[in-house]
């Protein structure tokens, strides 16, 4: 059994508060791995994970990036259409390679 990728995109995040959204679909209770790798090691990519209904969470959180990489796991508590909004904590902006995959 291979890796199931839910979304994979290279997005451009604008400086000074810019962002980019990545939609994906997943089932309730699934564990995912979000990997964000910035074009520059000085960028600090982080995200806001919006579920189909209700309040979202900062996943991956700001301040956890190391050399332009931020890669947390998360367990989804709803099934349906999600949006991961990508930001840059350094506020410089640039390209970010984002991959969202199922872990189980």
Protein backbone atom coordinates (compact mmCIF):
# COMPACT_ATOMS: atom_id res chain seq x y z
CA UNK A 1 0.00 0.00 0.00
CA UNK A 2 1.44 3.36 -1.03
CA UNK A 3 1.13 6.82 0.42
CA UNK A 4 -2.22 8.52 -0.20
CA UNK A 5 -1.72 12.20 -0.99
CA UNK A 6 -4.80 14.36 -0.38
CA UNK A 7 -3.27 17.55 -1.80
CA UNK A 8 0.10 18.71 -3.09
CA UNK A 9 0.74 22.20 -4.42
CA UNK A 10 3.40 24.87 -4.64
CA UNK A 11 1.78 28.13 -3.58
CA UNK A 12 3.02 31.69 -3.45
CA UNK A 13 2.36 33.47 -0.16
CA UNK A 14 2.43 37.25 -0.41
CA UNK A 15 4.49 39.25 2.07
CA UNK A 16 3.03 41.21 4.97
CA UNK A 17 0.00 39.04 5.69
CA UNK A 18 -0.47 37.30 2.36
CA UNK A 19 -1.88 33.81 2.24
CA UNK A 20 -2.85 30.95 -0.07
CA UNK A 21 -5.59 28.33 0.33
CA UNK A 22 -5.36 24.62 -0.46
CA UNK A 23 -8.62 22.63 -0.52
CA UNK A 24 -8.76 18.89 0.20
CA UNK A 25 -11.29 16.25 1.21
CA UNK A 26 -10.89 13.76 4.07
CA UNK A 27 -12.91 11.39 6.26
CA UNK A 28 -13.66 11.83 9.96
CA UNK A 29 -11.04 10.43 12.35
CA UNK A 30 -8.25 10.25 9.79
CA UNK A 31 -4.72 11.22 10.78
CA UNK A 32 -2.85 13.42 8.32
CA UNK A 33 0.68 14.76 7.90
CA UNK A 34 1.06 18.32 6.64
CA UNK A 35 4.46 19.17 5.23
CA UNK A 36 5.33 22.77 4.33
CA UNK A 37 8.72 23.49 2.81
CA UNK A 38 9.49 27.10 1.89
CA UNK A 39 11.73 28.19 -0.99
CA UNK A 40 13.79 30.17 1.52
CA UNK A 41 15.09 28.94 4.87
CA UNK A 42 14.24 32.37 6.34
CA UNK A 43 10.52 31.89 5.72
CA UNK A 44 8.34 30.55 8.53
CA UNK A 45 5.41 28.72 6.90
CA UNK A 46 2.40 27.93 9.06
CA UNK A 47 -1.27 27.26 8.42
CA UNK A 48 -4.88 27.52 9.49
CA UNK A 49 -6.88 24.31 9.01
CA UNK A 50 -10.58 25.04 8.39
CA UNK A 51 -12.94 22.06 8.80
CA UNK A 52 -16.22 21.65 6.87
CA UNK A 53 -18.13 23.15 9.81
CA UNK A 54 -17.15 25.16 12.86
CA UNK A 55 -13.96 26.77 14.10
CA UNK A 56 -10.57 25.95 12.60
CA UNK A 57 -7.16 25.67 14.24
CA UNK A 58 -3.66 26.88 13.50
CA UNK A 59 -2.06 23.72 12.10
CA UNK A 60 0.89 23.85 11.70
CA UNK A 61 1.37 26.56 14.29
CA UNK A 62 3.42 29.72 13.81
CA UNK A 63 6.85 29.65 15.44
CA UNK A 64 7.43 25.92 14.88
CA UNK A 65 9.18 26.24 11.53
CA UNK A 66 12.87 25.28 11.32
CA UNK A 67 14.88 26.40 8.27
CA UNK A 68 11.70 26.88 6.24
CA UNK A 69 10.17 23.49 7.17
CA UNK A 70 7.04 22.95 9.26
CA UNK A 71 5.55 19.44 9.38
CA UNK A 72 2.96 18.44 12.03
CA UNK A 73 0.49 15.58 12.27
CA UNK A 74 -3.21 16.22 12.91
CA UNK A 75 -6.29 14.08 13.51
CA UNK A 76 -9.41 15.27 11.72
CA UNK A 77 -12.64 15.38 13.72
CA UNK A 78 -15.00 15.84 10.77
CA UNK A 79 -15.42 14.36 7.34
CA UNK A 80 -15.77 16.53 4.26
CA UNK A 81 -14.10 19.45 2.53
CA UNK A 82 -11.24 21.19 4.35
CA UNK A 83 -9.12 24.23 3.46
CA UNK A 84 -5.54 24.70 4.64
CA UNK A 85 -4.63 28.40 4.50
CA UNK A 86 -0.86 28.94 4.29
CA UNK A 87 0.86 31.99 5.85
CA UNK A 88 4.45 33.15 6.36
CA UNK A 89 5.41 34.16 9.91
CA UNK A 90 8.46 36.09 8.65
CA UNK A 91 6.10 38.30 6.57
CA UNK A 92 8.55 38.27 3.62
CA UNK A 93 6.48 35.86 1.53
CA UNK A 94 7.54 33.49 -1.22
CA UNK A 95 6.96 29.98 -2.49
CA UNK A 96 5.91 27.09 -0.25
CA UNK A 97 5.62 23.44 -1.29
CA UNK A 98 2.69 21.96 0.63
CA UNK A 99 1.85 18.25 0.84
CA UNK A 100 -1.06 16.76 2.81
CA UNK A 101 -1.08 12.98 3.15
CA UNK A 102 -2.94 10.28 5.08
CA UNK A 103 -0.99 8.50 7.80
CA UNK A 104 -3.43 5.67 8.51
